[in-house]
Amino acid sequence: MQIDVLTQPTPAFEALVETHTAFCDSTAPAESCHRLPVLRLFTPEITVWVAQEGGALIGMGALKVLSPTEGEVKSMHTRAEVRGRGAARAILRTILTAARAKGLHRLSLETGTHPAFAPAVALYRAEGFTETGPFGGYVIDPHSMFLTLDLTTAKEPA
């Protein structure tokens, strides 16, 4: 598996974003879905990574810098047929390393509360994220869960 920065959308990436959008939309009402469309992922404050295996795009994730000390994990998604093989963990650890390199102190994320998000929540918790309240422009929503990681005290993965 290879993890790379993606600097511009490709047809395979656009298809993965469409899959992510359909997944999110199937779990909550539209006003509770906070995924970004393709073009909003390619802005100066966001870095996108993709996981590829055998030339096929199998996962994605992004880091959005919110301030000089805070960032947000965005658009984490792994194709259903490769889940459980480590792609999401590899992408998340890449994001954590990049956040530390940028000098960020805190990394937060919003994810769904639908049972389909349980594996993602388990991954985030295994990497040290803890439940918190809304951050940035988010508001309390029964379909959203907010998690955060203090990068100044969290152990780096081995």
N, C-alpha and C. Protein backbone atom coordinates (compact mmCIF):
# COMPACT_ATOMS: atom_id res chain seq x y z
N MET A 1 0.85 -1.18 0.00
CA MET A 1 0.00 0.00 0.00
C MET A 1 0.89 1.24 0.00
N GLN A 2 0.46 2.24 -0.73
CA GLN A 2 1.21 3.49 -0.84
C GLN A 2 0.28 4.65 -0.49
N ILE A 3 0.79 5.57 0.34
CA ILE A 3 0.04 6.77 0.72
C ILE A 3 0.73 7.97 0.07
N ASP A 4 -0.02 8.76 -0.68
CA ASP A 4 0.53 9.92 -1.38
C ASP A 4 -0.36 11.14 -1.21
N VAL A 5 0.26 12.32 -1.27
CA VAL A 5 -0.50 13.57 -1.34
C VAL A 5 -1.11 13.66 -2.73
N LEU A 6 -2.35 14.07 -2.81
CA LEU A 6 -3.02 14.30 -4.08
C LEU A 6 -3.20 15.80 -4.23
N THR A 7 -2.62 16.38 -5.28
CA THR A 7 -2.65 17.83 -5.44
C THR A 7 -3.79 18.34 -6.30
N GLN A 8 -4.43 17.44 -7.02
CA GLN A 8 -5.59 17.82 -7.83
C GLN A 8 -6.47 16.60 -8.02
N PRO A 9 -7.75 16.82 -8.20
CA PRO A 9 -8.66 15.68 -8.33
C PRO A 9 -8.39 14.88 -9.60
N THR A 10 -8.60 13.60 -9.50
CA THR A 10 -8.52 12.68 -10.64
C THR A 10 -9.88 12.01 -10.77
N PRO A 11 -10.16 11.39 -11.90
CA PRO A 11 -11.44 10.68 -12.02
C PRO A 11 -11.63 9.61 -10.93
N ALA A 12 -10.58 8.88 -10.58
CA ALA A 12 -10.70 7.85 -9.54
C ALA A 12 -10.99 8.49 -8.19
N PHE A 13 -10.37 9.63 -7.91
CA PHE A 13 -10.63 10.32 -6.65
C PHE A 13 -12.07 10.84 -6.63
N GLU A 14 -12.51 11.43 -7.72
CA GLU A 14 -13.89 11.92 -7.78
C GLU A 14 -14.89 10.79 -7.55
N ALA A 15 -14.61 9.61 -8.10
CA ALA A 15 -15.49 8.46 -7.89
C ALA A 15 -15.49 8.03 -6.42
N LEU A 16 -14.31 8.09 -5.76
CA LEU A 16 -14.26 7.74 -4.34
C LEU A 16 -15.02 8.76 -3.50
N VAL A 17 -14.93 10.03 -3.84
CA VAL A 17 -15.70 11.06 -3.13
C VAL A 17 -17.19 10.82 -3.32
N GLU A 18 -17.60 10.43 -4.52
CA GLU A 18 -19.02 10.12 -4.76
C GLU A 18 -19.47 8.94 -3.89
N THR A 19 -18.62 7.93 -3.75
CA THR A 19 -18.93 6.79 -2.89
C THR A 19 -19.06 7.25 -1.44
N HIS A 20 -18.13 8.09 -0.99
CA HIS A 20 -18.15 8.64 0.37
C HIS A 20 -19.43 9.46 0.60
N THR A 21 -19.80 10.26 -0.37
CA THR A 21 -21.00 11.08 -0.27
C THR A 21 -22.24 10.21 -0.16
N ALA A 22 -22.34 9.19 -0.99
CA ALA A 22 -23.49 8.29 -0.94
C ALA A 22 -23.54 7.56 0.41
N PHE A 23 -22.39 7.14 0.93
CA PHE A 23 -22.34 6.49 2.23
C PHE A 23 -22.85 7.43 3.32
N CYS A 24 -22.30 8.65 3.35
CA CYS A 24 -22.72 9.61 4.38
C CYS A 24 -24.20 9.94 4.27
N ASP A 25 -24.66 10.17 3.04
CA ASP A 25 -26.06 10.53 2.83
C ASP A 25 -27.02 9.39 3.22
N SER A 26 -26.53 8.16 3.23
CA SER A 26 -27.38 7.03 3.60
C SER A 26 -27.51 6.86 5.11
N THR A 27 -26.75 7.63 5.87
CA THR A 27 -26.72 7.45 7.33
C THR A 27 -27.36 8.59 8.11
N ALA A 28 -27.63 9.71 7.47
CA ALA A 28 -28.15 10.87 8.20
C ALA A 28 -28.81 11.84 7.22
N PRO A 29 -29.66 12.73 7.73
CA PRO A 29 -30.27 13.74 6.85
C PRO A 29 -29.21 14.69 6.30
N ALA A 30 -29.50 15.31 5.18
CA ALA A 30 -28.54 16.18 4.49
C ALA A 30 -27.93 17.24 5.40
N GLU A 31 -28.74 17.85 6.27
CA GLU A 31 -28.23 18.93 7.13
C GLU A 31 -27.24 18.41 8.18
N SER A 32 -27.17 17.11 8.34
CA SER A 32 -26.24 16.51 9.31
C SER A 32 -24.99 15.92 8.65
N CYS A 33 -24.90 16.01 7.34
CA CYS A 33 -23.74 15.48 6.61
C CYS A 33 -22.77 16.62 6.31
N HIS A 34 -21.55 16.46 6.77
CA HIS A 34 -20.57 17.55 6.68
C HIS A 34 -19.39 17.22 5.77
N ARG A 35 -19.59 16.33 4.82
CA ARG A 35 -18.52 16.00 3.89
C ARG A 35 -18.36 17.13 2.89
N LEU A 36 -17.15 17.25 2.37
CA LEU A 36 -16.86 18.33 1.43
C LEU A 36 -16.92 17.82 0.00
N PRO A 37 -17.42 18.64 -0.92
CA PRO A 37 -17.37 18.26 -2.33
C PRO A 37 -15.91 18.31 -2.82
N VAL A 38 -15.65 17.66 -3.92
CA VAL A 38 -14.29 17.51 -4.44
C VAL A 38 -13.52 18.83 -4.48
N LEU A 39 -14.07 19.84 -5.12
CA LEU A 39 -13.30 21.07 -5.31
C LEU A 39 -13.00 21.81 -4.01
N ARG A 40 -13.81 21.63 -2.98
CA ARG A 40 -13.54 22.28 -1.69
C ARG A 40 -12.43 21.58 -0.92
N LEU A 41 -12.04 20.39 -1.37
CA LEU A 41 -10.92 19.68 -0.74
C LEU A 41 -9.56 20.19 -1.23
N PHE A 42 -9.54 20.85 -2.36
CA PHE A 42 -8.28 21.31 -2.94
C PHE A 42 -8.15 22.81 -2.79
N THR A 43 -7.93 23.21 -1.53
CA THR A 43 -7.74 24.62 -1.17
C THR A 43 -6.45 24.71 -0.37
N PRO A 44 -5.90 25.92 -0.21
CA PRO A 44 -4.61 26.03 0.48
C PRO A 44 -4.57 25.47 1.90
N GLU A 45 -5.68 25.49 2.62
CA GLU A 45 -5.67 25.02 4.01
C GLU A 45 -5.91 23.52 4.15
N ILE A 46 -6.13 22.82 3.05
CA ILE A 46 -6.41 21.39 3.10
C ILE A 46 -5.37 20.61 2.31
N THR A 47 -4.88 19.52 2.91
CA THR A 47 -4.01 18.57 2.23
C THR A 47 -4.75 17.25 2.15
N VAL A 48 -4.77 16.65 0.97
CA VAL A 48 -5.47 15.39 0.73
C VAL A 48 -4.44 14.28 0.51
N TRP A 49 -4.68 13.15 1.16
CA TRP A 49 -3.87 11.96 0.93
C TRP A 49 -4.75 10.86 0.39
N VAL A 50 -4.17 10.01 -0.44
CA VAL A 50 -4.88 8.84 -0.95
C VAL A 50 -4.03 7.60 -0.70
N ALA A 51 -4.71 6.50 -0.48
CA ALA A 51 -4.06 5.20 -0.37
C ALA A 51 -4.32 4.45 -1.66
N GLN A 52 -3.24 3.87 -2.19
CA GLN A 52 -3.36 3.08 -3.41
C GLN A 52 -2.74 1.71 -3.18
N GLU A 53 -3.32 0.75 -3.84
CA GLU A 53 -2.81 -0.62 -3.76
C GLU A 53 -2.94 -1.22 -5.14
N GLY A 54 -1.83 -1.66 -5.68
CA GLY A 54 -1.86 -2.24 -7.02
C GLY A 54 -2.37 -1.28 -8.06
N GLY A 55 -2.11 0.02 -7.86
CA GLY A 55 -2.56 1.04 -8.79
C GLY A 55 -4.00 1.49 -8.61
N ALA A 56 -4.71 0.85 -7.70
CA ALA A 56 -6.12 1.21 -7.46
C ALA A 56 -6.23 2.11 -6.24
N LEU A 57 -7.05 3.13 -6.35
CA LEU A 57 -7.31 4.03 -5.23
C LEU A 57 -8.25 3.33 -4.25
N ILE A 58 -7.79 3.16 -2.98
CA ILE A 58 -8.60 2.41 -2.02
C ILE A 58 -9.05 3.23 -0.83
N GLY A 59 -8.48 4.42 -0.64
CA GLY A 59 -8.88 5.23 0.51
C GLY A 59 -8.40 6.65 0.39
N MET A 60 -8.96 7.50 1.26
CA MET A 60 -8.59 8.92 1.25
C MET A 60 -8.77 9.50 2.64
N GLY A 61 -8.13 10.64 2.85
CA GLY A 61 -8.29 11.40 4.07
C GLY A 61 -7.64 12.75 3.86
N ALA A 62 -8.01 13.72 4.70
CA ALA A 62 -7.48 15.06 4.51
C ALA A 62 -7.26 15.73 5.87
N LEU A 63 -6.37 16.71 5.85
CA LEU A 63 -6.10 17.55 7.01
C LEU A 63 -6.44 18.98 6.63
N LYS A 64 -7.34 19.58 7.40
CA LYS A 64 -7.69 20.98 7.21
C LYS A 64 -7.10 21.76 8.38
N VAL A 65 -6.27 22.75 8.07
CA VAL A 65 -5.70 23.60 9.11
C VAL A 65 -6.74 24.66 9.46
N LEU A 66 -7.15 24.68 10.72
CA LEU A 66 -8.16 25.63 11.18
C LEU A 66 -7.54 26.90 11.76
N SER A 67 -6.37 26.77 12.35
CA SER A 67 -5.65 27.89 12.96
C SER A 67 -4.19 27.47 13.06
N PRO A 68 -3.32 28.33 13.54
CA PRO A 68 -1.91 27.92 13.67
C PRO A 68 -1.69 26.75 14.63
N THR A 69 -2.66 26.44 15.48
CA THR A 69 -2.49 25.35 16.45
C THR A 69 -3.54 24.25 16.34
N GLU A 70 -4.55 24.42 15.51
CA GLU A 70 -5.63 23.43 15.43
C GLU A 70 -5.89 22.98 14.00
N GLY A 71 -6.22 21.69 13.88
CA GLY A 71 -6.55 21.13 12.59
C GLY A 71 -7.75 20.20 12.70
N GLU A 72 -8.26 19.80 11.55
CA GLU A 72 -9.41 18.91 11.49
C GLU A 72 -9.15 17.80 10.48
N VAL A 73 -9.48 16.58 10.87
CA VAL A 73 -9.44 15.45 9.94
C VAL A 73 -10.72 15.52 9.11
N LYS A 74 -10.58 15.47 7.80
CA LYS A 74 -11.72 15.56 6.88
C LYS A 74 -11.71 14.37 5.92
N SER A 75 -12.88 14.02 5.46
CA SER A 75 -13.07 13.13 4.32
C SER A 75 -12.33 11.80 4.41
N MET A 76 -12.33 11.19 5.59
CA MET A 76 -11.75 9.85 5.71
C MET A 76 -12.73 8.84 5.10
N HIS A 77 -12.23 8.04 4.19
CA HIS A 77 -13.08 7.00 3.60
C HIS A 77 -12.20 5.91 3.01
N THR A 78 -12.59 4.67 3.23
CA THR A 78 -11.92 3.52 2.65
C THR A 78 -12.96 2.70 1.91
N ARG A 79 -12.60 2.23 0.74
CA ARG A 79 -13.54 1.40 -0.02
C ARG A 79 -13.97 0.19 0.82
N ALA A 80 -15.24 -0.13 0.77
CA ALA A 80 -15.81 -1.20 1.60
C ALA A 80 -15.06 -2.52 1.42
N GLU A 81 -14.65 -2.83 0.20
CA GLU A 81 -14.05 -4.13 -0.06
C GLU A 81 -12.63 -4.29 0.52
N VAL A 82 -12.02 -3.20 0.98
CA VAL A 82 -10.67 -3.30 1.57
C VAL A 82 -10.64 -2.90 3.04
N ARG A 83 -11.79 -2.65 3.62
CA ARG A 83 -11.82 -2.26 5.04
C ARG A 83 -11.27 -3.39 5.90
N GLY A 84 -10.59 -2.98 6.96
CA GLY A 84 -10.00 -3.95 7.88
C GLY A 84 -8.59 -4.36 7.50
N ARG A 85 -8.03 -3.77 6.43
CA ARG A 85 -6.68 -4.14 5.99
C ARG A 85 -5.64 -3.07 6.31
N GLY A 86 -6.05 -2.02 7.04
CA GLY A 86 -5.07 -1.04 7.51
C GLY A 86 -4.96 0.25 6.72
N ALA A 87 -5.73 0.41 5.67
CA ALA A 87 -5.63 1.63 4.87
C ALA A 87 -6.03 2.87 5.66
N ALA A 88 -7.14 2.80 6.37
CA ALA A 88 -7.60 3.96 7.15
C ALA A 88 -6.59 4.31 8.24
N ARG A 89 -6.05 3.32 8.92
CA ARG A 89 -5.06 3.58 9.96
C ARG A 89 -3.82 4.24 9.35
N ALA A 90 -3.37 3.75 8.20
CA ALA A 90 -2.20 4.33 7.53
C ALA A 90 -2.45 5.78 7.13
N ILE A 91 -3.62 6.06 6.59
CA ILE A 91 -3.95 7.44 6.22
C ILE A 91 -4.03 8.32 7.46
N LEU A 92 -4.72 7.84 8.50
CA LEU A 92 -4.86 8.64 9.71
C LEU A 92 -3.49 8.92 10.33
N ARG A 93 -2.62 7.95 10.38
CA ARG A 93 -1.29 8.18 10.94
C ARG A 93 -0.48 9.15 10.09
N THR A 94 -0.69 9.12 8.79
CA THR A 94 -0.05 10.11 7.91
C THR A 94 -0.54 11.51 8.25
N ILE A 95 -1.84 11.64 8.46
CA ILE A 95 -2.43 12.93 8.84
C ILE A 95 -1.87 13.39 10.19
N LEU A 96 -1.77 12.49 11.15
CA LEU A 96 -1.23 12.84 12.47
C LEU A 96 0.21 13.32 12.36
N THR A 97 1.01 12.64 11.57
CA THR A 97 2.40 13.04 11.38
C THR A 97 2.48 14.42 10.73
N ALA A 98 1.65 14.66 9.73
CA ALA A 98 1.64 15.96 9.06
C ALA A 98 1.19 17.07 10.00
N ALA A 99 0.18 16.78 10.82
CA ALA A 99 -0.31 17.78 11.78
C ALA A 99 0.79 18.16 12.77
N ARG A 100 1.52 17.17 13.26
CA ARG A 100 2.63 17.45 14.17
C ARG A 100 3.71 18.27 13.46
N ALA A 101 4.02 17.92 12.22
CA ALA A 101 5.04 18.64 11.46
C ALA A 101 4.65 20.10 11.22
N LYS A 102 3.36 20.36 11.15
CA LYS A 102 2.87 21.74 10.97
C LYS A 102 2.82 22.49 12.30
N GLY A 103 3.14 21.80 13.39
CA GLY A 103 3.12 22.44 14.70
C GLY A 103 1.75 22.55 15.33
N LEU A 104 0.79 21.77 14.82
CA LEU A 104 -0.55 21.81 15.40
C LEU A 104 -0.54 21.16 16.77
N HIS A 105 -1.35 21.68 17.68
CA HIS A 105 -1.43 21.15 19.03
C HIS A 105 -2.65 20.25 19.23
N ARG A 106 -3.66 20.48 18.40
CA ARG A 106 -4.91 19.74 18.58
C ARG A 106 -5.47 19.39 17.21
N LEU A 107 -5.99 18.17 17.15
CA LEU A 107 -6.62 17.69 15.93
C LEU A 107 -8.01 17.19 16.30
N SER A 108 -9.04 17.66 15.60
CA SER A 108 -10.41 17.29 15.89
C SER A 108 -11.06 16.71 14.65
N LEU A 109 -12.20 16.09 14.84
CA LEU A 109 -12.95 15.57 13.71
C LEU A 109 -14.41 15.43 14.09
N GLU A 110 -15.23 15.40 13.06
CA GLU A 110 -16.67 15.12 13.20
C GLU A 110 -16.91 13.84 12.44
N THR A 111 -17.66 12.93 13.05
CA THR A 111 -18.04 11.70 12.36
C THR A 111 -19.48 11.38 12.72
N GLY A 112 -20.02 10.39 12.06
CA GLY A 112 -21.42 10.05 12.29
C GLY A 112 -21.64 9.16 13.49
N THR A 113 -22.88 9.16 13.96
CA THR A 113 -23.27 8.30 15.08
C THR A 113 -23.97 7.03 14.62
N HIS A 114 -24.29 6.94 13.35
CA HIS A 114 -24.93 5.75 12.78
C HIS A 114 -24.02 4.54 13.03
N PRO A 115 -24.59 3.36 13.26
CA PRO A 115 -23.77 2.17 13.51
C PRO A 115 -22.72 1.90 12.42
N ALA A 116 -22.96 2.34 11.20
CA ALA A 116 -21.98 2.12 10.13
C ALA A 116 -20.66 2.84 10.40
N PHE A 117 -20.67 3.84 11.28
CA PHE A 117 -19.45 4.57 11.61
C PHE A 117 -18.68 3.95 12.78
N ALA A 118 -19.21 2.88 13.38
CA ALA A 118 -18.56 2.27 14.55
C ALA A 118 -17.11 1.87 14.30
N PRO A 119 -16.77 1.27 13.15
CA PRO A 119 -15.36 0.93 12.93
C PRO A 119 -14.46 2.18 12.87
N ALA A 120 -14.96 3.24 12.27
CA ALA A 120 -14.17 4.48 12.21
C ALA A 120 -13.97 5.05 13.61
N VAL A 121 -15.03 5.08 14.39
CA VAL A 121 -14.93 5.59 15.77
C VAL A 121 -13.94 4.75 16.57
N ALA A 122 -13.98 3.43 16.39
CA ALA A 122 -13.04 2.55 17.08
C ALA A 122 -11.60 2.86 16.68
N LEU A 123 -11.37 3.12 15.41
CA LEU A 123 -10.04 3.49 14.93
C LEU A 123 -9.58 4.79 15.58
N TYR A 124 -10.43 5.81 15.56
CA TYR A 124 -10.05 7.10 16.14
C TYR A 124 -9.73 6.95 17.63
N ARG A 125 -10.55 6.20 18.33
CA ARG A 125 -10.30 6.00 19.77
C ARG A 125 -9.00 5.22 19.98
N ALA A 126 -8.73 4.24 19.15
CA ALA A 126 -7.49 3.47 19.28
C ALA A 126 -6.27 4.34 19.05
N GLU A 127 -6.42 5.40 18.28
CA GLU A 127 -5.30 6.32 18.02
C GLU A 127 -5.25 7.45 19.04
N GLY A 128 -6.13 7.42 20.05
CA GLY A 128 -6.05 8.37 21.15
C GLY A 128 -7.08 9.49 21.15
N PHE A 129 -7.95 9.53 20.16
CA PHE A 129 -8.98 10.56 20.13
C PHE A 129 -10.00 10.30 21.23
N THR A 130 -10.51 11.38 21.82
CA THR A 130 -11.55 11.27 22.84
C THR A 130 -12.73 12.15 22.44
N GLU A 131 -13.89 11.77 22.95
CA GLU A 131 -15.10 12.50 22.61
C GLU A 131 -15.07 13.89 23.23
N THR A 132 -15.54 14.86 22.48
CA THR A 132 -15.58 16.26 22.91
C THR A 132 -16.86 16.88 22.36
N GLY A 133 -17.00 18.16 22.53
CA GLY A 133 -18.15 18.87 21.97
C GLY A 133 -17.82 19.42 20.59
N PRO A 134 -18.80 20.10 19.99
CA PRO A 134 -18.59 20.69 18.68
C PRO A 134 -17.42 21.67 18.68
N PHE A 135 -16.80 21.83 17.55
CA PHE A 135 -15.68 22.76 17.37
C PHE A 135 -15.91 23.49 16.05
N GLY A 136 -15.12 24.52 15.81
CA GLY A 136 -15.27 25.26 14.57
C GLY A 136 -16.71 25.73 14.40
N GLY A 137 -17.29 25.51 13.26
CA GLY A 137 -18.66 25.93 12.99
C GLY A 137 -19.70 24.86 13.25
N TYR A 138 -19.30 23.72 13.80
CA TYR A 138 -20.26 22.64 14.06
C TYR A 138 -21.17 22.98 15.23
N VAL A 139 -22.33 22.34 15.25
CA VAL A 139 -23.27 22.49 16.36
C VAL A 139 -23.67 21.09 16.83
N ILE A 140 -24.22 21.01 18.02
CA ILE A 140 -24.70 19.72 18.54
C ILE A 140 -25.74 19.17 17.58
N ASP A 141 -25.59 17.89 17.25
CA ASP A 141 -26.48 17.23 16.30
C ASP A 141 -26.53 15.75 16.69
N PRO A 142 -27.71 15.16 16.79
CA PRO A 142 -27.78 13.76 17.19
C PRO A 142 -27.10 12.80 16.21
N HIS A 143 -26.83 13.27 15.00
CA HIS A 143 -26.19 12.44 13.98
C HIS A 143 -24.68 12.63 13.94
N SER A 144 -24.15 13.51 14.79
CA SER A 144 -22.72 13.82 14.79
C SER A 144 -22.07 13.49 16.12
N MET A 145 -20.82 13.04 16.01
CA MET A 145 -19.97 12.82 17.17
C MET A 145 -18.69 13.62 16.91
N PHE A 146 -18.17 14.24 17.95
CA PHE A 146 -16.97 15.06 17.82
C PHE A 146 -15.87 14.44 18.67
N LEU A 147 -14.71 14.29 18.07
CA LEU A 147 -13.57 13.69 18.75
C LEU A 147 -12.37 14.62 18.59
N THR A 148 -11.45 14.56 19.58
CA THR A 148 -10.26 15.40 19.52
C THR A 148 -9.06 14.65 20.06
N LEU A 149 -7.89 15.08 19.62
CA LEU A 149 -6.63 14.51 20.07
C LEU A 149 -5.69 15.65 20.39
N ASP A 150 -5.14 15.64 21.61
CA ASP A 150 -4.15 16.62 22.02
C ASP A 150 -2.79 16.12 21.52
N LEU A 151 -2.28 16.73 20.47
CA LEU A 151 -1.03 16.28 19.86
C LEU A 151 0.18 16.57 20.73
N THR A 152 0.03 17.45 21.71
CA THR A 152 1.17 17.78 22.56
C THR A 152 1.41 16.69 23.61
N THR A 153 0.40 15.88 23.90
CA THR A 153 0.56 14.84 24.92
C THR A 153 0.39 13.43 24.35
N ALA A 154 -0.21 13.29 23.17
CA ALA A 154 -0.46 11.96 22.59
C ALA A 154 0.85 11.32 22.14
N LYS A 155 0.95 10.03 22.36
CA LYS A 155 2.11 9.28 21.92
C LYS A 155 2.08 9.14 20.41
N GLU A 156 3.25 9.21 19.81
CA GLU A 156 3.34 8.95 18.38
C GLU A 156 3.32 7.44 18.17
N PRO A 157 2.67 6.99 17.08
CA PRO A 157 2.60 5.55 16.84
C PRO A 157 3.99 4.95 16.63
N ALA A 158 4.12 3.70 17.04
CA ALA A 158 5.41 3.01 16.90
C ALA A 158 5.65 2.60 15.47
